[in-house]
Amino acid sequence: MERVTGYTSSAKFKCLEDIQGESVELSLIYCGWEYCDPGHRFGPNKRNTHVLHVVKSGLGRLEINNKVYELKAGDAFMIQADEEAWYQADEKDPWCYMWVGFNGVKAREFIDNAGFSLQQPVRRVECIPRLAECVDGILEEYQLSYECDLMRKAYLMMFFAALISDYKKKVPGNSHFYPGSVYVKYAVDYISEHYSEKIKINDLASYIGVSRSYLTSSFRKSMGCSPQEFLVKLRMEKAQSLLRKTDMPISSVAGAVGYSDQLAFSKMFKKYYKVSPKDYRGMEDELLICSEKGEFETRIGL
């Protein structure tokens, strides 16, 4: 079995797809830019990743959460994981946009601090040249090597640093955290340090000094999931990294991420990644170089 990453470069479309990210906090999944054809439409669909688009030129339309937004150069729109949306280029002045798709246990924290939310998926940005530099930097580091992976991560962090800085200038002194976020931070830090141990959410709430219901509601507002879901996701992403980077027996990997029962670990891993830990470890990475949009999907049979 193989993990296939696609790299497409043409005059109107450049994209790096299905990157095999390993960073638990923030993982790059895909990015690119496109000069869209008039009326080009994408969706409606739901992704299991977050994706941010930034309009570089031209016009287009976004429909999300039963709202329609007329967008132009300088607008950015965030579609969060499991949100249904569609967007379409203008017939007369079709847009050119760039995008970054990402996941990770701190993804929603980055989204929040960059000025986006489910209620406010669109905002103006003033740092498009810097964002474009970061996207182009990622696309230049398309090879499946350790050093290129580090460079992509660095550009992704600079991309969000620019977005967050841009937002802070518009809303001085605004931390943009939800009420209760201080407890969420304590919970995240505790889970991140003790994920390999047996953790009960009731005990965690008591340790922090709040009720379980308050911690859970605050966690959902800030992180988009419950503390238990965060714990499982963190464990699975840690296990994914161990399976790829070490030759530890699967039973040892299970124990290292808090599972005393290897079968329970394997079932949860397969639920997340649609493949068993053994088969995942046996996968090999492959990079497909493409010259036309859509060629990558055709070649891997999507």
C-alpha atoms as a PDB file:
ATOM      1  CA  MET A   1       0.000   0.000   0.000  1.00  0.00           C
ATOM      2  CA  GLU A   2       1.081   3.590  -0.609  1.00  0.00           C
ATOM      3  CA  ARG A   3       0.379   7.062   0.733  1.00  0.00           C
ATOM      4  CA  VAL A   4       0.178   9.165  -2.425  1.00  0.00           C
ATOM      5  CA  THR A   5       0.855  12.898  -2.506  1.00  0.00           C
ATOM      6  CA  GLY A   6       0.161  14.869  -5.689  1.00  0.00           C
ATOM      7  CA  TYR A   7       2.004  17.890  -7.047  1.00  0.00           C
ATOM      8  CA  THR A   8       0.449  19.700 -10.023  1.00  0.00           C
ATOM      9  CA  SER A   9       2.019  22.700 -11.755  1.00  0.00           C
ATOM     10  CA  SER A  10       0.468  24.468 -14.739  1.00  0.00           C
ATOM     11  CA  ALA A  11      -0.022  28.049 -15.896  1.00  0.00           C
ATOM     12  CA  LYS A  12      -3.428  28.432 -14.212  1.00  0.00           C
ATOM     13  CA  PHE A  13      -3.281  25.877 -11.393  1.00  0.00           C
ATOM     14  CA  LYS A  14      -0.617  24.898  -8.896  1.00  0.00           C
ATOM     15  CA  CYS A  15      -1.349  22.550  -6.012  1.00  0.00           C
ATOM     16  CA  LEU A  16       0.195  20.185  -3.493  1.00  0.00           C
ATOM     17  CA  GLU A  17      -2.415  17.592  -2.436  1.00  0.00           C
ATOM     18  CA  ASP A  18      -2.781  14.950   0.262  1.00  0.00           C
ATOM     19  CA  ILE A  19       0.380  15.843   2.139  1.00  0.00           C
ATOM     20  CA  GLN A  20       1.136  13.256   4.792  1.00  0.00           C
ATOM     21  CA  GLY A  21       1.316  15.629   7.760  1.00  0.00           C
ATOM     22  CA  GLU A  22       2.612  14.437  11.103  1.00  0.00           C
ATOM     23  CA  SER A  23       2.465  17.540  13.287  1.00  0.00           C
ATOM     24  CA  VAL A  24      -0.067  16.960  16.030  1.00  0.00           C
ATOM     25  CA  GLU A  25      -0.720  20.647  16.714  1.00  0.00           C
ATOM     26  CA  LEU A  26      -1.118  21.864  13.113  1.00  0.00           C
ATOM     27  CA  SER A  27      -0.708  19.733   9.987  1.00  0.00           C
ATOM     28  CA  LEU A  28      -0.681  20.971   6.402  1.00  0.00           C
ATOM     29  CA  ILE A  29      -2.885  18.758   4.211  1.00  0.00           C
ATOM     30  CA  TYR A  30      -2.909  20.651   0.892  1.00  0.00           C
ATOM     31  CA  CYS A  31      -2.378  24.114  -0.565  1.00  0.00           C
ATOM     32  CA  GLY A  32      -2.264  25.870  -3.904  1.00  0.00           C
ATOM     33  CA  TRP A  33      -3.574  28.651  -6.114  1.00  0.00           C
ATOM     34  CA  GLU A  34      -5.766  28.806  -9.205  1.00  0.00           C
ATOM     35  CA  TYR A  35      -6.890  31.230 -11.888  1.00  0.00           C
ATOM     36  CA  CYS A  36     -10.458  29.973 -12.165  1.00  0.00           C
ATOM     37  CA  ASP A  37     -12.466  29.737 -15.372  1.00  0.00           C
ATOM     38  CA  PRO A  38     -15.592  31.938 -15.604  1.00  0.00           C
ATOM     39  CA  GLY A  39     -18.397  30.438 -13.518  1.00  0.00           C
ATOM     40  CA  HIS A  40     -16.188  27.652 -12.110  1.00  0.00           C
ATOM     41  CA  ARG A  41     -18.029  26.181  -9.117  1.00  0.00           C
ATOM     42  CA  PHE A  42     -16.845  23.950  -6.278  1.00  0.00           C
ATOM     43  CA  GLY A  43     -19.288  22.150  -3.986  1.00  0.00           C
ATOM     44  CA  PRO A  44     -21.475  21.891  -2.167  1.00  0.00           C
ATOM     45  CA  ASN A  45     -19.494  19.406  -0.126  1.00  0.00           C
ATOM     46  CA  LYS A  46     -18.035  18.766   3.314  1.00  0.00           C
ATOM     47  CA  ARG A  47     -14.357  18.201   4.037  1.00  0.00           C
ATOM     48  CA  ASN A  48     -12.748  16.549   7.031  1.00  0.00           C
ATOM     49  CA  THR A  49     -10.156  19.325   7.046  1.00  0.00           C
ATOM     50  CA  HIS A  50     -10.262  23.078   7.548  1.00  0.00           C
ATOM     51  CA  VAL A  51      -9.499  25.162   4.464  1.00  0.00           C
ATOM     52  CA  LEU A  52      -8.834  28.884   4.111  1.00  0.00           C
ATOM     53  CA  HIS A  53      -9.123  30.656   0.736  1.00  0.00           C
ATOM     54  CA  VAL A  54      -7.719  34.114   0.042  1.00  0.00           C
ATOM     55  CA  VAL A  55      -8.944  35.989  -3.036  1.00  0.00           C
ATOM     56  CA  LYS A  56      -6.007  37.545  -4.903  1.00  0.00           C
ATOM     57  CA  SER A  57      -7.971  39.098  -7.785  1.00  0.00           C
ATOM     58  CA  GLY A  58     -11.374  39.011  -9.461  1.00  0.00           C
ATOM     59  CA  LEU A  59     -14.806  38.247  -8.040  1.00  0.00           C
ATOM     60  CA  GLY A  60     -16.726  35.251  -6.739  1.00  0.00           C
ATOM     61  CA  ARG A  61     -19.497  34.055  -4.476  1.00  0.00           C
ATOM     62  CA  LEU A  62     -19.570  31.884  -1.337  1.00  0.00           C
ATOM     63  CA  GLU A  63     -22.599  30.223   0.248  1.00  0.00           C
ATOM     64  CA  ILE A  64     -22.140  28.836   3.744  1.00  0.00           C
ATOM     65  CA  ASN A  65     -24.481  28.423   6.728  1.00  0.00           C
ATOM     66  CA  ASN A  66     -27.396  29.593   4.561  1.00  0.00           C
ATOM     67  CA  LYS A  67     -25.674  32.914   3.872  1.00  0.00           C
ATOM     68  CA  VAL A  68     -24.328  34.214   0.580  1.00  0.00           C
ATOM     69  CA  TYR A  69     -21.198  36.377   0.415  1.00  0.00           C
ATOM     70  CA  GLU A  70     -20.131  38.368  -2.635  1.00  0.00           C
ATOM     71  CA  LEU A  71     -16.335  38.343  -2.518  1.00  0.00           C
ATOM     72  CA  LYS A  72     -13.550  40.322  -4.175  1.00  0.00           C
ATOM     73  CA  ALA A  73      -9.782  40.705  -4.021  1.00  0.00           C
ATOM     74  CA  GLY A  74      -8.626  41.028  -0.424  1.00  0.00           C
ATOM     75  CA  ASP A  75     -11.381  38.822   1.039  1.00  0.00           C
ATOM     76  CA  ALA A  76     -10.551  35.591   2.829  1.00  0.00           C
ATOM     77  CA  PHE A  77     -13.012  32.835   3.700  1.00  0.00           C
ATOM     78  CA  MET A  78     -12.661  29.949   6.110  1.00  0.00           C
ATOM     79  CA  ILE A  79     -14.546  26.680   5.683  1.00  0.00           C
ATOM     80  CA  GLN A  80     -14.147  24.602   8.808  1.00  0.00           C
ATOM     81  CA  ALA A  81     -14.132  20.813   8.915  1.00  0.00           C
ATOM     82  CA  ASP A  82     -17.566  19.213   8.377  1.00  0.00           C
ATOM     83  CA  GLU A  83     -19.093  22.521   7.206  1.00  0.00           C
ATOM     84  CA  GLU A  84     -21.015  22.358   3.951  1.00  0.00           C
ATOM     85  CA  ALA A  85     -20.291  25.170   1.505  1.00  0.00           C
ATOM     86  CA  TRP A  86     -20.003  26.004  -2.178  1.00  0.00           C
ATOM     87  CA  TYR A  87     -18.222  28.792  -3.988  1.00  0.00           C
ATOM     88  CA  GLN A  88     -18.214  30.004  -7.575  1.00  0.00           C
ATOM     89  CA  ALA A  89     -16.126  32.304  -9.763  1.00  0.00           C
ATOM     90  CA  ASP A  90     -17.784  35.311 -11.368  1.00  0.00           C
ATOM     91  CA  GLU A  91     -18.820  34.867 -15.006  1.00  0.00           C
ATOM     92  CA  LYS A  92     -17.221  38.134 -16.173  1.00  0.00           C
ATOM     93  CA  ASP A  93     -14.337  38.648 -13.746  1.00  0.00           C
ATOM     94  CA  PRO A  94     -13.437  35.196 -12.351  1.00  0.00           C
ATOM     95  CA  TRP A  95     -11.324  35.160  -9.261  1.00  0.00           C
ATOM     96  CA  CYS A  96      -7.830  33.911  -8.631  1.00  0.00           C
ATOM     97  CA  TYR A  97      -7.468  32.537  -5.133  1.00  0.00           C
ATOM     98  CA  MET A  98      -4.967  30.649  -3.025  1.00  0.00           C
ATOM     99  CA  TRP A  99      -5.834  28.121  -0.337  1.00  0.00           C
ATOM    100  CA  VAL A 100      -4.389  26.254   2.607  1.00  0.00           C
ATOM    101  CA  GLY A 101      -5.997  23.083   4.007  1.00  0.00           C
ATOM    102  CA  PHE A 102      -4.964  21.966   7.481  1.00  0.00           C
ATOM    103  CA  ASN A 103      -5.839  19.917  10.554  1.00  0.00           C
ATOM    104  CA  GLY A 104      -4.527  19.432  14.067  1.00  0.00           C
ATOM    105  CA  VAL A 105      -5.549  19.620  17.695  1.00  0.00           C
ATOM    106  CA  LYS A 106      -4.831  23.367  17.800  1.00  0.00           C
ATOM    107  CA  ALA A 107      -6.311  24.165  14.392  1.00  0.00           C
ATOM    108  CA  ARG A 108      -9.370  25.903  15.817  1.00  0.00           C
ATOM    109  CA  GLU A 109      -7.165  27.979  18.119  1.00  0.00           C
ATOM    110  CA  PHE A 110      -5.282  29.245  15.060  1.00  0.00           C
ATOM    111  CA  ILE A 111      -8.574  29.879  13.235  1.00  0.00           C
ATOM    112  CA  ASP A 112      -9.970  31.795  16.197  1.00  0.00           C
ATOM    113  CA  ASN A 113      -6.895  33.974  16.660  1.00  0.00           C
ATOM    114  CA  ALA A 114      -6.828  34.745  12.927  1.00  0.00           C
ATOM    115  CA  GLY A 115     -10.290  36.292  13.223  1.00  0.00           C
ATOM    116  CA  PHE A 116     -12.531  33.582  11.795  1.00  0.00           C
ATOM    117  CA  SER A 117     -15.436  31.694  13.347  1.00  0.00           C
ATOM    118  CA  LEU A 118     -18.479  29.688  12.311  1.00  0.00           C
ATOM    119  CA  GLN A 119     -20.490  32.902  12.633  1.00  0.00           C
ATOM    120  CA  GLN A 120     -17.882  35.018  10.822  1.00  0.00           C
ATOM    121  CA  PRO A 121     -16.290  32.901   8.058  1.00  0.00           C
ATOM    122  CA  VAL A 122     -15.261  35.893   5.921  1.00  0.00           C
ATOM    123  CA  ARG A 123     -13.029  38.880   6.609  1.00  0.00           C
ATOM    124  CA  ARG A 124     -10.784  41.335   4.802  1.00  0.00           C
ATOM    125  CA  VAL A 125      -7.011  40.813   4.904  1.00  0.00           C
ATOM    126  CA  GLU A 126      -4.264  43.339   4.166  1.00  0.00           C
ATOM    127  CA  CYS A 127      -1.311  40.972   3.991  1.00  0.00           C
ATOM    128  CA  ILE A 128      -1.961  39.151   0.711  1.00  0.00           C
ATOM    129  CA  PRO A 129       1.617  39.559  -0.653  1.00  0.00           C
ATOM    130  CA  ARG A 130       3.025  37.945   2.509  1.00  0.00           C
ATOM    131  CA  LEU A 131       0.452  35.137   2.421  1.00  0.00           C
ATOM    132  CA  ALA A 132       1.231  34.511  -1.257  1.00  0.00           C
ATOM    133  CA  GLU A 133       4.957  34.282  -0.420  1.00  0.00           C
ATOM    134  CA  CYS A 134       4.195  31.604   2.165  1.00  0.00           C
ATOM    135  CA  VAL A 135       1.977  29.577  -0.191  1.00  0.00           C
ATOM    136  CA  ASP A 136       4.566  29.806  -2.975  1.00  0.00           C
ATOM    137  CA  GLY A 137       7.220  28.772  -0.463  1.00  0.00           C
ATOM    138  CA  ILE A 138       5.219  25.669   0.467  1.00  0.00           C
ATOM    139  CA  LEU A 139       4.719  24.776  -3.186  1.00  0.00           C
ATOM    140  CA  GLU A 140       8.430  25.052  -3.887  1.00  0.00           C
ATOM    141  CA  GLU A 141       9.131  22.490  -1.138  1.00  0.00           C
ATOM    142  CA  TYR A 142       7.051  19.719  -2.699  1.00  0.00           C
ATOM    143  CA  GLN A 143       9.497  16.839  -2.411  1.00  0.00           C
ATOM    144  CA  LEU A 144       8.742  14.096   0.156  1.00  0.00           C
ATOM    145  CA  SER A 145      11.865  14.673   2.212  1.00  0.00           C
ATOM    146  CA  TYR A 146      12.397  15.493   5.873  1.00  0.00           C
ATOM    147  CA  GLU A 147      13.923  18.888   5.115  1.00  0.00           C
ATOM    148  CA  CYS A 148      11.081  19.843   2.753  1.00  0.00           C
ATOM    149  CA  ASP A 149       8.569  18.813   5.410  1.00  0.00           C
ATOM    150  CA  LEU A 150      10.278  21.150   7.890  1.00  0.00           C
ATOM    151  CA  MET A 151      10.217  23.999   5.378  1.00  0.00           C
ATOM    152  CA  ARG A 152       6.498  23.463   4.666  1.00  0.00           C
ATOM    153  CA  LYS A 153       5.756  23.572   8.387  1.00  0.00           C
ATOM    154  CA  ALA A 154       7.773  26.781   8.727  1.00  0.00           C
ATOM    155  CA  TYR A 155       5.907  28.468   5.868  1.00  0.00           C
ATOM    156  CA  LEU A 156       2.566  27.334   7.321  1.00  0.00           C
ATOM    157  CA  MET A 157       3.436  28.914  10.673  1.00  0.00           C
ATOM    158  CA  MET A 158       4.525  32.134   8.956  1.00  0.00           C
ATOM    159  CA  PHE A 159       1.258  32.113   6.986  1.00  0.00           C
ATOM    160  CA  PHE A 160      -0.785  32.051  10.201  1.00  0.00           C
ATOM    161  CA  ALA A 161       1.532  34.487  11.964  1.00  0.00           C
ATOM    162  CA  ALA A 162       0.851  36.997   9.169  1.00  0.00           C
ATOM    163  CA  LEU A 163      -2.906  36.389   9.345  1.00  0.00           C
ATOM    164  CA  ILE A 164      -3.001  36.745  13.131  1.00  0.00           C
ATOM    165  CA  SER A 165      -0.860  39.889  13.074  1.00  0.00           C
ATOM    166  CA  ASP A 166      -3.139  41.359  10.404  1.00  0.00           C
ATOM    167  CA  TYR A 167      -6.194  40.645  12.559  1.00  0.00           C
ATOM    168  CA  LYS A 168      -4.669  42.098  15.730  1.00  0.00           C
ATOM    169  CA  LYS A 169      -4.054  45.369  13.887  1.00  0.00           C
ATOM    170  CA  LYS A 170      -7.754  45.570  13.080  1.00  0.00           C
ATOM    171  CA  VAL A 171      -8.887  44.682  16.606  1.00  0.00           C
ATOM    172  CA  PRO A 172      -6.194  46.043  18.973  1.00  0.00           C
ATOM    173  CA  GLY A 173      -5.967  44.273  22.301  1.00  0.00           C
ATOM    174  CA  ASN A 174      -8.473  41.610  21.300  1.00  0.00           C
ATOM    175  CA  SER A 175      -7.359  38.128  22.359  1.00  0.00           C
ATOM    176  CA  HIS A 176     -10.440  36.621  20.652  1.00  0.00           C
ATOM    177  CA  PHE A 177     -10.769  33.816  23.154  1.00  0.00           C
ATOM    178  CA  TYR A 178     -14.110  32.492  24.323  1.00  0.00           C
ATOM    179  CA  PRO A 179     -15.110  32.805  27.995  1.00  0.00           C
ATOM    180  CA  GLY A 180     -13.700  29.844  29.880  1.00  0.00           C
ATOM    181  CA  SER A 181     -10.709  29.567  27.569  1.00  0.00           C
ATOM    182  CA  VAL A 182      -8.310  29.775  30.483  1.00  0.00           C
ATOM    183  CA  TYR A 183      -9.737  26.461  31.745  1.00  0.00           C
ATOM    184  CA  VAL A 184      -9.548  25.016  28.253  1.00  0.00           C
ATOM    185  CA  LYS A 185      -5.859  25.924  28.089  1.00  0.00           C
ATOM    186  CA  TYR A 186      -5.217  24.150  31.405  1.00  0.00           C
ATOM    187  CA  ALA A 187      -7.116  21.113  30.120  1.00  0.00           C
ATOM    188  CA  VAL A 188      -5.262  21.049  26.796  1.00  0.00           C
ATOM    189  CA  ASP A 189      -1.894  21.360  28.528  1.00  0.00           C
ATOM    190  CA  TYR A 190      -2.790  18.596  30.989  1.00  0.00           C
ATOM    191  CA  ILE A 191      -4.057  16.220  28.292  1.00  0.00           C
ATOM    192  CA  SER A 192      -1.039  16.937  26.089  1.00  0.00           C
ATOM    193  CA  GLU A 193       1.288  15.987  28.940  1.00  0.00           C
ATOM    194  CA  HIS A 194      -0.658  12.981  30.274  1.00  0.00           C
ATOM    195  CA  TYR A 195      -2.287  11.486  27.153  1.00  0.00           C
ATOM    196  CA  SER A 196      -0.383   8.217  27.696  1.00  0.00           C
ATOM    197  CA  GLU A 197      -2.035   7.783  31.086  1.00  0.00           C
ATOM    198  CA  LYS A 198      -5.587   6.892  32.101  1.00  0.00           C
ATOM    199  CA  ILE A 199      -7.502  10.178  32.060  1.00  0.00           C
ATOM    200  CA  LYS A 200     -11.061  10.646  33.306  1.00  0.00           C
ATOM    201  CA  ILE A 201     -12.737  13.873  32.251  1.00  0.00           C
ATOM    202  CA  ASN A 202     -14.493  14.146  35.627  1.00  0.00           C
ATOM    203  CA  ASP A 203     -11.131  14.004  37.388  1.00  0.00           C
ATOM    204  CA  LEU A 204      -9.671  16.512  34.931  1.00  0.00           C
ATOM    205  CA  ALA A 205     -12.510  18.960  35.590  1.00  0.00           C
ATOM    206  CA  SER A 206     -12.055  18.553  39.345  1.00  0.00           C
ATOM    207  CA  TYR A 207      -8.309  19.076  38.995  1.00  0.00           C
ATOM    208  CA  ILE A 208      -8.910  22.335  37.129  1.00  0.00           C
ATOM    209  CA  GLY A 209     -11.645  23.401  39.529  1.00  0.00           C
ATOM    210  CA  VAL A 210     -14.755  23.497  37.319  1.00  0.00           C
ATOM    211  CA  SER A 211     -17.676  21.189  36.631  1.00  0.00           C
ATOM    212  CA  ARG A 212     -17.478  18.650  33.828  1.00  0.00           C
ATOM    213  CA  SER A 213     -20.376  20.297  31.988  1.00  0.00           C
ATOM    214  CA  TYR A 214     -18.738  23.743  32.105  1.00  0.00           C
ATOM    215  CA  LEU A 215     -15.393  22.373  30.944  1.00  0.00           C
ATOM    216  CA  THR A 216     -17.061  20.438  28.118  1.00  0.00           C
ATOM    217  CA  SER A 217     -19.111  23.416  26.893  1.00  0.00           C
ATOM    218  CA  SER A 218     -16.086  25.740  27.081  1.00  0.00           C
ATOM    219  CA  PHE A 219     -13.971  23.150  25.288  1.00  0.00           C
ATOM    220  CA  ARG A 220     -16.491  22.796  22.472  1.00  0.00           C
ATOM    221  CA  LYS A 221     -16.669  26.571  21.974  1.00  0.00           C
ATOM    222  CA  SER A 222     -12.913  26.977  21.885  1.00  0.00           C
ATOM    223  CA  MET A 223     -11.710  23.722  20.311  1.00  0.00           C
ATOM    224  CA  GLY A 224     -14.752  22.496  18.396  1.00  0.00           C
ATOM    225  CA  CYS A 225     -14.815  19.145  20.201  1.00  0.00           C
ATOM    226  CA  SER A 226     -15.237  17.652  23.679  1.00  0.00           C
ATOM    227  CA  PRO A 227     -12.263  16.976  25.982  1.00  0.00           C
ATOM    228  CA  GLN A 228     -12.702  13.230  25.371  1.00  0.00           C
ATOM    229  CA  GLU A 229     -12.695  13.711  21.588  1.00  0.00           C
ATOM    230  CA  PHE A 230      -9.589  15.882  21.886  1.00  0.00           C
ATOM    231  CA  LEU A 231      -7.851  13.194  23.943  1.00  0.00           C
ATOM    232  CA  VAL A 232      -8.643  10.453  21.421  1.00  0.00           C
ATOM    233  CA  LYS A 233      -7.591  12.617  18.463  1.00  0.00           C
ATOM    234  CA  LEU A 234      -4.306  13.475  20.172  1.00  0.00           C
ATOM    235  CA  ARG A 235      -3.642   9.822  20.931  1.00  0.00           C
ATOM    236  CA  MET A 236      -4.344   8.784  17.341  1.00  0.00           C
ATOM    237  CA  GLU A 237      -2.070  11.473  15.903  1.00  0.00           C
ATOM    238  CA  LYS A 238       0.719  10.499  18.327  1.00  0.00           C
ATOM    239  CA  ALA A 239       0.240   6.854  17.338  1.00  0.00           C
ATOM    240  CA  GLN A 240       0.356   7.776  13.647  1.00  0.00           C
ATOM    241  CA  SER A 241       3.706   9.470  14.182  1.00  0.00           C
ATOM    242  CA  LEU A 242       5.134   6.536  16.185  1.00  0.00           C
ATOM    243  CA  LEU A 243       4.061   4.034  13.539  1.00  0.00           C
ATOM    244  CA  ARG A 244       5.837   5.992  10.835  1.00  0.00           C
ATOM    245  CA  LYS A 245       8.957   7.052  12.704  1.00  0.00           C
ATOM    246  CA  THR A 246       9.754   4.034  14.887  1.00  0.00           C
ATOM    247  CA  ASP A 247       9.797   0.242  14.698  1.00  0.00           C
ATOM    248  CA  MET A 248       8.040  -0.149  18.061  1.00  0.00           C
ATOM    249  CA  PRO A 249       5.701  -3.158  18.200  1.00  0.00           C
ATOM    250  CA  ILE A 250       2.087  -2.153  17.743  1.00  0.00           C
ATOM    251  CA  SER A 251       1.320  -3.272  21.297  1.00  0.00           C
ATOM    252  CA  SER A 252       4.000  -0.863  22.540  1.00  0.00           C
ATOM    253  CA  VAL A 253       2.618   1.951  20.403  1.00  0.00           C
ATOM    254  CA  ALA A 254      -0.811   1.294  21.907  1.00  0.00           C
ATOM    255  CA  GLY A 255       0.614   1.478  25.412  1.00  0.00           C
ATOM    256  CA  ALA A 256       2.559   4.634  24.618  1.00  0.00           C
ATOM    257  CA  VAL A 257      -0.647   6.454  23.713  1.00  0.00           C
ATOM    258  CA  GLY A 258      -2.737   5.263  26.652  1.00  0.00           C
ATOM    259  CA  TYR A 259      -4.261   1.962  25.487  1.00  0.00           C
ATOM    260  CA  SER A 260      -3.672  -1.141  27.576  1.00  0.00           C
ATOM    261  CA  ASP A 261      -5.784  -3.164  25.113  1.00  0.00           C
ATOM    262  CA  GLN A 262      -4.137  -3.441  21.673  1.00  0.00           C
ATOM    263  CA  LEU A 263      -7.423  -4.519  20.063  1.00  0.00           C
ATOM    264  CA  ALA A 264      -9.244  -1.434  21.354  1.00  0.00           C
ATOM    265  CA  PHE A 265      -6.379   0.714  20.055  1.00  0.00           C
ATOM    266  CA  SER A 266      -6.458  -0.950  16.621  1.00  0.00           C
ATOM    267  CA  LYS A 267     -10.227  -0.463  16.327  1.00  0.00           C
ATOM    268  CA  MET A 268      -9.959   3.222  17.195  1.00  0.00           C
ATOM    269  CA  PHE A 269      -7.015   3.748  14.844  1.00  0.00           C
ATOM    270  CA  LYS A 270      -8.902   2.130  11.967  1.00  0.00           C
ATOM    271  CA  LYS A 271     -11.949   4.287  12.753  1.00  0.00           C
ATOM    272  CA  TYR A 272      -9.807   7.418  12.352  1.00  0.00           C
ATOM    273  CA  TYR A 273      -7.599   6.454   9.417  1.00  0.00           C
ATOM    274  CA  LYS A 274      -9.656   3.757   7.628  1.00  0.00           C
ATOM    275  CA  VAL A 275      -6.710   1.371   7.808  1.00  0.00           C
ATOM    276  CA  SER A 276      -5.243  -0.870  10.529  1.00  0.00           C
ATOM    277  CA  PRO A 277      -2.050   0.168  12.364  1.00  0.00           C
ATOM    278  CA  LYS A 278      -0.193  -2.721  10.701  1.00  0.00           C
ATOM    279  CA  ASP A 279      -1.287  -1.736   7.190  1.00  0.00           C
ATOM    280  CA  TYR A 280      -0.606   1.939   7.896  1.00  0.00           C
ATOM    281  CA  ARG A 281       2.961   1.145   8.904  1.00  0.00           C
ATOM    282  CA  GLY A 282       3.437  -0.842   5.703  1.00  0.00           C
ATOM    283  CA  MET A 283       2.433   2.051   3.463  1.00  0.00           C
ATOM    284  CA  GLU A 284       5.080   3.736   1.335  1.00  0.00           C
ATOM    285  CA  ASP A 285       5.075   7.399   0.358  1.00  0.00           C
ATOM    286  CA  GLU A 286       4.823   8.302  -3.318  1.00  0.00           C
ATOM    287  CA  LEU A 287       4.843  11.696  -5.031  1.00  0.00           C
ATOM    288  CA  LEU A 288       2.879  12.065  -8.284  1.00  0.00           C
ATOM    289  CA  ILE A 289       3.983  14.971 -10.489  1.00  0.00           C
ATOM    290  CA  CYS A 290       1.087  16.269 -12.589  1.00  0.00           C
ATOM    291  CA  SER A 291       0.775  18.954 -15.260  1.00  0.00           C
ATOM    292  CA  GLU A 292      -3.003  19.510 -15.356  1.00  0.00           C
ATOM    293  CA  LYS A 293      -5.695  20.146 -12.760  1.00  0.00           C
ATOM    294  CA  GLY A 294      -7.616  16.948 -11.990  1.00  0.00           C
ATOM    295  CA  GLU A 295      -4.844  14.657 -13.210  1.00  0.00           C
ATOM    296  CA  PHE A 296      -3.934  13.644  -9.654  1.00  0.00           C
ATOM    297  CA  GLU A 297      -7.497  12.500  -8.852  1.00  0.00           C
ATOM    298  CA  THR A 298      -7.693  10.583 -12.136  1.00  0.00           C
ATOM    299  CA  ARG A 299      -4.407   8.783 -11.594  1.00  0.00           C
ATOM    300  CA  ILE A 300      -5.229   7.631  -8.075  1.00  0.00           C
ATOM    301  CA  GLY A 301      -8.775   6.692  -9.075  1.00  0.00           C
ATOM    302  CA  LEU A 302     -10.813   9.282  -7.152  1.00  0.00           C
END
